[in-house]
Amino acid sequence: MSIVRADLTRPGVRVLNLGGAVNPDVLLAYDRDGAPVVVKDYAARPAWVRHGLARWLVERELGLLRSVAGAPGVPRPLERIDDLAFALEWIDGQPLRRRTHANAMPPSFFAALE
């Protein structure tokens, strides 16, 4: 598995979520073997974020993900692409949106979750 920054501009890469001022863009990309991966990327953030906060946030999130490695439903960190981006395991599923999750999920889901 290997992914480099140039892979993030290839056809087929899809934006899953555009980040805000200090949040990364979340992309669905593909590694060199064609496997889907999620990439969190701070490259489009302002310079003050890229040169300071983003590097710390990348390291922090990777550390947190490594500490819970193997937990069901938590994506495995795959590799750091560069100082501003890293790749995670793709886990297919339905995202729960804050405003719509109650309408999209049956009540039995929340009972099982408890």
N, C-alpha and C. Protein backbone atom coordinates (compact mmCIF):
# COMPACT_ATOMS: atom_id res chain seq x y z
N MET A 1 0.84 -1.17 0.00
CA MET A 1 0.00 0.00 0.00
C MET A 1 0.88 1.22 0.00
N SER A 2 0.63 2.07 -0.91
CA SER A 2 1.37 3.32 -0.95
C SER A 2 0.52 4.35 -1.67
N ILE A 3 0.49 5.52 -1.10
CA ILE A 3 -0.24 6.62 -1.72
C ILE A 3 0.60 7.87 -1.52
N VAL A 4 0.70 8.67 -2.56
CA VAL A 4 1.47 9.91 -2.51
C VAL A 4 0.55 11.07 -2.87
N ARG A 5 1.00 12.28 -2.61
CA ARG A 5 0.17 13.46 -2.83
C ARG A 5 -0.36 13.52 -4.27
N ALA A 6 0.44 13.14 -5.25
CA ALA A 6 0.01 13.19 -6.65
C ALA A 6 -1.22 12.30 -6.89
N ASP A 7 -1.37 11.24 -6.10
CA ASP A 7 -2.53 10.36 -6.25
C ASP A 7 -3.84 11.06 -5.88
N LEU A 8 -3.76 12.13 -5.12
CA LEU A 8 -4.96 12.84 -4.67
C LEU A 8 -5.59 13.70 -5.77
N THR A 9 -4.89 13.86 -6.89
CA THR A 9 -5.42 14.65 -8.00
C THR A 9 -5.83 13.78 -9.18
N ARG A 10 -5.78 12.49 -9.01
CA ARG A 10 -6.14 11.58 -10.09
C ARG A 10 -7.65 11.53 -10.29
N PRO A 11 -8.09 11.14 -11.50
CA PRO A 11 -9.52 10.96 -11.72
C PRO A 11 -10.08 9.90 -10.78
N GLY A 12 -11.29 10.09 -10.33
CA GLY A 12 -11.92 9.13 -9.44
C GLY A 12 -11.84 9.49 -7.97
N VAL A 13 -10.94 10.42 -7.61
CA VAL A 13 -10.87 10.86 -6.22
C VAL A 13 -12.11 11.70 -5.95
N ARG A 14 -12.76 11.42 -4.83
CA ARG A 14 -14.03 12.08 -4.53
C ARG A 14 -13.93 12.79 -3.19
N VAL A 15 -14.48 13.98 -3.11
CA VAL A 15 -14.53 14.72 -1.86
C VAL A 15 -15.71 14.19 -1.05
N LEU A 16 -15.42 13.70 0.15
CA LEU A 16 -16.49 13.24 1.04
C LEU A 16 -16.96 14.38 1.93
N ASN A 17 -16.02 15.26 2.28
CA ASN A 17 -16.37 16.40 3.14
C ASN A 17 -15.31 17.49 2.96
N LEU A 18 -15.76 18.70 2.66
CA LEU A 18 -14.83 19.84 2.59
C LEU A 18 -14.60 20.37 3.99
N GLY A 19 -13.36 20.53 4.36
CA GLY A 19 -13.03 21.03 5.69
C GLY A 19 -13.32 22.50 5.82
N GLY A 20 -13.35 22.94 7.06
CA GLY A 20 -13.52 24.36 7.35
C GLY A 20 -12.14 25.00 7.52
N ALA A 21 -12.10 26.10 8.25
CA ALA A 21 -10.85 26.84 8.42
C ALA A 21 -9.73 25.99 9.02
N VAL A 22 -10.06 25.14 9.98
CA VAL A 22 -9.02 24.32 10.61
C VAL A 22 -9.32 22.83 10.53
N ASN A 23 -10.27 22.45 9.69
CA ASN A 23 -10.61 21.03 9.53
C ASN A 23 -10.10 20.53 8.18
N PRO A 24 -9.70 19.28 8.11
CA PRO A 24 -9.17 18.76 6.84
C PRO A 24 -10.27 18.45 5.85
N ASP A 25 -9.89 18.46 4.58
CA ASP A 25 -10.76 17.89 3.56
C ASP A 25 -10.69 16.38 3.74
N VAL A 26 -11.81 15.71 3.55
CA VAL A 26 -11.84 14.25 3.65
C VAL A 26 -12.15 13.72 2.25
N LEU A 27 -11.25 12.89 1.75
CA LEU A 27 -11.34 12.41 0.37
C LEU A 27 -11.44 10.90 0.33
N LEU A 28 -12.11 10.39 -0.69
CA LEU A 28 -12.06 8.97 -1.01
C LEU A 28 -11.10 8.85 -2.17
N ALA A 29 -9.98 8.20 -1.93
CA ALA A 29 -8.95 8.04 -2.95
C ALA A 29 -8.66 6.55 -3.11
N TYR A 30 -7.66 6.23 -3.91
CA TYR A 30 -7.31 4.84 -4.17
C TYR A 30 -5.80 4.67 -4.09
N ASP A 31 -5.38 3.59 -3.43
CA ASP A 31 -3.94 3.35 -3.33
C ASP A 31 -3.44 2.77 -4.66
N ARG A 32 -2.16 2.46 -4.73
CA ARG A 32 -1.57 1.98 -5.98
C ARG A 32 -2.13 0.64 -6.44
N ASP A 33 -2.75 -0.11 -5.51
CA ASP A 33 -3.37 -1.39 -5.86
C ASP A 33 -4.84 -1.23 -6.22
N GLY A 34 -5.35 -0.01 -6.17
CA GLY A 34 -6.74 0.26 -6.51
C GLY A 34 -7.71 0.11 -5.35
N ALA A 35 -7.18 -0.12 -4.14
CA ALA A 35 -8.05 -0.26 -2.97
C ALA A 35 -8.49 1.13 -2.50
N PRO A 36 -9.76 1.28 -2.09
CA PRO A 36 -10.21 2.59 -1.59
C PRO A 36 -9.60 2.90 -0.23
N VAL A 37 -9.25 4.16 -0.05
CA VAL A 37 -8.74 4.67 1.23
C VAL A 37 -9.37 6.02 1.48
N VAL A 38 -9.47 6.38 2.74
CA VAL A 38 -9.92 7.71 3.11
C VAL A 38 -8.68 8.53 3.40
N VAL A 39 -8.65 9.74 2.89
CA VAL A 39 -7.52 10.63 3.14
C VAL A 39 -8.03 11.88 3.84
N LYS A 40 -7.37 12.24 4.92
CA LYS A 40 -7.63 13.51 5.59
C LYS A 40 -6.48 14.43 5.22
N ASP A 41 -6.81 15.58 4.64
CA ASP A 41 -5.79 16.45 4.03
C ASP A 41 -6.00 17.91 4.40
N TYR A 42 -4.97 18.51 4.97
CA TYR A 42 -5.01 19.91 5.38
C TYR A 42 -4.36 20.85 4.35
N ALA A 43 -3.97 20.36 3.18
CA ALA A 43 -3.22 21.16 2.22
C ALA A 43 -3.94 22.41 1.76
N ALA A 44 -5.26 22.41 1.73
CA ALA A 44 -6.01 23.58 1.25
C ALA A 44 -6.31 24.59 2.35
N ARG A 45 -5.86 24.35 3.55
CA ARG A 45 -6.12 25.28 4.66
C ARG A 45 -5.18 26.47 4.58
N PRO A 46 -5.52 27.55 5.30
CA PRO A 46 -4.66 28.75 5.28
C PRO A 46 -3.24 28.43 5.77
N ALA A 47 -2.30 29.27 5.38
CA ALA A 47 -0.88 29.05 5.70
C ALA A 47 -0.66 28.90 7.21
N TRP A 48 -1.34 29.69 8.03
CA TRP A 48 -1.11 29.59 9.47
C TRP A 48 -1.54 28.24 10.02
N VAL A 49 -2.52 27.60 9.36
CA VAL A 49 -2.95 26.26 9.78
C VAL A 49 -1.95 25.23 9.25
N ARG A 50 -1.60 25.33 7.96
CA ARG A 50 -0.68 24.36 7.35
C ARG A 50 0.68 24.33 8.05
N HIS A 51 1.19 25.47 8.43
CA HIS A 51 2.55 25.52 8.97
C HIS A 51 2.62 25.35 10.48
N GLY A 52 1.51 25.20 11.13
CA GLY A 52 1.54 25.04 12.57
C GLY A 52 0.57 23.99 13.06
N LEU A 53 -0.66 24.36 13.14
CA LEU A 53 -1.69 23.53 13.74
C LEU A 53 -1.90 22.19 13.02
N ALA A 54 -1.89 22.19 11.70
CA ALA A 54 -2.21 20.98 10.93
C ALA A 54 -1.25 19.84 11.24
N ARG A 55 0.03 20.14 11.32
CA ARG A 55 1.02 19.09 11.58
C ARG A 55 0.77 18.44 12.94
N TRP A 56 0.42 19.25 13.92
CA TRP A 56 0.12 18.74 15.25
C TRP A 56 -1.16 17.91 15.22
N LEU A 57 -2.21 18.40 14.50
CA LEU A 57 -3.47 17.68 14.42
C LEU A 57 -3.32 16.33 13.72
N VAL A 58 -2.52 16.28 12.67
CA VAL A 58 -2.26 15.01 11.97
C VAL A 58 -1.61 14.02 12.92
N GLU A 59 -0.58 14.45 13.61
CA GLU A 59 0.13 13.55 14.53
C GLU A 59 -0.79 13.11 15.66
N ARG A 60 -1.58 14.01 16.17
CA ARG A 60 -2.49 13.68 17.27
C ARG A 60 -3.54 12.66 16.85
N GLU A 61 -4.18 12.89 15.70
CA GLU A 61 -5.20 11.94 15.25
C GLU A 61 -4.61 10.58 14.94
N LEU A 62 -3.45 10.55 14.30
CA LEU A 62 -2.81 9.26 14.04
C LEU A 62 -2.50 8.53 15.35
N GLY A 63 -2.03 9.26 16.34
CA GLY A 63 -1.75 8.65 17.64
C GLY A 63 -3.00 8.09 18.29
N LEU A 64 -4.08 8.84 18.22
CA LEU A 64 -5.34 8.37 18.80
C LEU A 64 -5.85 7.13 18.07
N LEU A 65 -5.77 7.14 16.75
CA LEU A 65 -6.24 5.99 15.98
C LEU A 65 -5.38 4.75 16.25
N ARG A 66 -4.09 4.95 16.39
CA ARG A 66 -3.21 3.81 16.71
C ARG A 66 -3.54 3.25 18.09
N SER A 67 -3.92 4.11 19.01
CA SER A 67 -4.20 3.65 20.37
C SER A 67 -5.48 2.82 20.46
N VAL A 68 -6.38 2.95 19.50
CA VAL A 68 -7.61 2.16 19.51
C VAL A 68 -7.65 1.16 18.34
N ALA A 69 -6.48 0.90 17.77
CA ALA A 69 -6.39 -0.03 16.64
C ALA A 69 -7.04 -1.36 16.99
N GLY A 70 -7.83 -1.86 16.09
CA GLY A 70 -8.50 -3.14 16.29
C GLY A 70 -9.90 -3.03 16.85
N ALA A 71 -10.29 -1.84 17.30
CA ALA A 71 -11.66 -1.67 17.80
C ALA A 71 -12.63 -1.73 16.62
N PRO A 72 -13.73 -2.46 16.78
CA PRO A 72 -14.68 -2.58 15.68
C PRO A 72 -15.22 -1.21 15.25
N GLY A 73 -15.28 -0.99 13.93
CA GLY A 73 -15.85 0.23 13.39
C GLY A 73 -14.92 1.42 13.38
N VAL A 74 -13.69 1.26 13.89
CA VAL A 74 -12.72 2.34 13.89
C VAL A 74 -11.73 2.07 12.75
N PRO A 75 -11.60 3.01 11.81
CA PRO A 75 -10.70 2.77 10.69
C PRO A 75 -9.24 2.69 11.14
N ARG A 76 -8.53 1.79 10.51
CA ARG A 76 -7.11 1.60 10.77
C ARG A 76 -6.31 2.69 10.07
N PRO A 77 -5.38 3.37 10.76
CA PRO A 77 -4.52 4.32 10.06
C PRO A 77 -3.58 3.53 9.15
N LEU A 78 -3.45 3.95 7.91
CA LEU A 78 -2.63 3.21 6.96
C LEU A 78 -1.24 3.81 6.80
N GLU A 79 -1.18 5.09 6.50
CA GLU A 79 0.12 5.73 6.36
C GLU A 79 -0.02 7.24 6.34
N ARG A 80 1.07 7.88 6.69
CA ARG A 80 1.15 9.33 6.60
C ARG A 80 1.63 9.64 5.19
N ILE A 81 0.88 10.45 4.48
CA ILE A 81 1.24 10.80 3.11
C ILE A 81 2.35 11.84 3.11
N ASP A 82 2.16 12.87 3.91
CA ASP A 82 3.17 13.90 4.14
C ASP A 82 2.80 14.61 5.44
N ASP A 83 3.36 15.77 5.69
CA ASP A 83 3.08 16.47 6.95
C ASP A 83 1.63 16.91 7.09
N LEU A 84 0.90 17.01 5.97
CA LEU A 84 -0.45 17.56 5.99
C LEU A 84 -1.55 16.55 5.69
N ALA A 85 -1.21 15.30 5.45
CA ALA A 85 -2.23 14.34 5.05
C ALA A 85 -1.88 12.93 5.50
N PHE A 86 -2.93 12.15 5.76
CA PHE A 86 -2.72 10.74 6.07
C PHE A 86 -3.89 9.93 5.54
N ALA A 87 -3.62 8.63 5.35
CA ALA A 87 -4.62 7.72 4.80
C ALA A 87 -5.13 6.78 5.88
N LEU A 88 -6.42 6.49 5.78
CA LEU A 88 -7.10 5.59 6.70
C LEU A 88 -7.78 4.48 5.90
N GLU A 89 -8.02 3.39 6.57
CA GLU A 89 -8.79 2.31 5.99
C GLU A 89 -10.19 2.82 5.63
N TRP A 90 -10.68 2.40 4.49
CA TRP A 90 -12.05 2.72 4.07
C TRP A 90 -12.99 1.70 4.69
N ILE A 91 -13.99 2.18 5.41
CA ILE A 91 -15.03 1.31 5.95
C ILE A 91 -16.34 1.78 5.32
N ASP A 92 -16.92 0.93 4.49
CA ASP A 92 -18.16 1.30 3.81
C ASP A 92 -19.30 1.38 4.83
N GLY A 93 -20.15 2.35 4.67
CA GLY A 93 -21.28 2.48 5.58
C GLY A 93 -22.10 3.71 5.28
N GLN A 94 -23.12 3.91 6.05
CA GLN A 94 -24.01 5.05 5.93
C GLN A 94 -23.64 6.08 6.98
N PRO A 95 -23.22 7.28 6.60
CA PRO A 95 -22.90 8.28 7.62
C PRO A 95 -24.15 8.75 8.36
N LEU A 96 -24.01 8.96 9.63
CA LEU A 96 -25.12 9.49 10.43
C LEU A 96 -24.98 11.01 10.48
N ARG A 97 -25.87 11.70 9.85
CA ARG A 97 -25.85 13.17 9.87
C ARG A 97 -26.56 13.64 11.14
N ARG A 98 -26.06 14.69 11.72
CA ARG A 98 -26.64 15.19 12.97
C ARG A 98 -28.11 15.53 12.84
N ARG A 99 -28.48 16.11 11.71
CA ARG A 99 -29.86 16.57 11.57
C ARG A 99 -30.83 15.50 11.08
N THR A 100 -30.32 14.45 10.45
CA THR A 100 -31.23 13.50 9.83
C THR A 100 -31.13 12.09 10.37
N HIS A 101 -30.21 11.82 11.29
CA HIS A 101 -30.02 10.43 11.71
C HIS A 101 -31.26 9.83 12.35
N ALA A 102 -32.04 10.61 13.08
CA ALA A 102 -33.23 10.06 13.74
C ALA A 102 -34.25 9.60 12.70
N ASN A 103 -34.33 10.28 11.59
CA ASN A 103 -35.28 9.90 10.55
C ASN A 103 -34.78 8.73 9.70
N ALA A 104 -33.48 8.58 9.59
CA ALA A 104 -32.91 7.56 8.71
C ALA A 104 -32.75 6.22 9.40
N MET A 105 -32.70 6.19 10.71
CA MET A 105 -32.44 4.96 11.43
C MET A 105 -33.69 4.49 12.17
N PRO A 106 -33.95 3.19 12.14
CA PRO A 106 -35.10 2.67 12.89
C PRO A 106 -34.83 2.76 14.40
N PRO A 107 -35.86 2.88 15.21
CA PRO A 107 -35.68 2.96 16.66
C PRO A 107 -34.89 1.78 17.23
N SER A 108 -35.00 0.63 16.61
CA SER A 108 -34.26 -0.54 17.09
C SER A 108 -32.75 -0.33 17.03
N PHE A 109 -32.28 0.50 16.09
CA PHE A 109 -30.85 0.79 15.99
C PHE A 109 -30.34 1.44 17.27
N PHE A 110 -31.07 2.43 17.77
CA PHE A 110 -30.63 3.16 18.94
C PHE A 110 -30.71 2.29 20.20
N ALA A 111 -31.69 1.40 20.25
CA ALA A 111 -31.78 0.49 21.39
C ALA A 111 -30.59 -0.47 21.39
N ALA A 112 -30.24 -0.98 20.21
CA ALA A 112 -29.09 -1.89 20.10
C ALA A 112 -27.79 -1.16 20.40
N LEU A 113 -27.71 0.10 20.02
CA LEU A 113 -26.52 0.89 20.26
C LEU A 113 -26.27 1.08 21.76
N GLU A 114 -27.34 1.29 22.50
CA GLU A 114 -27.21 1.44 23.96
C GLU A 114 -26.67 0.18 24.58
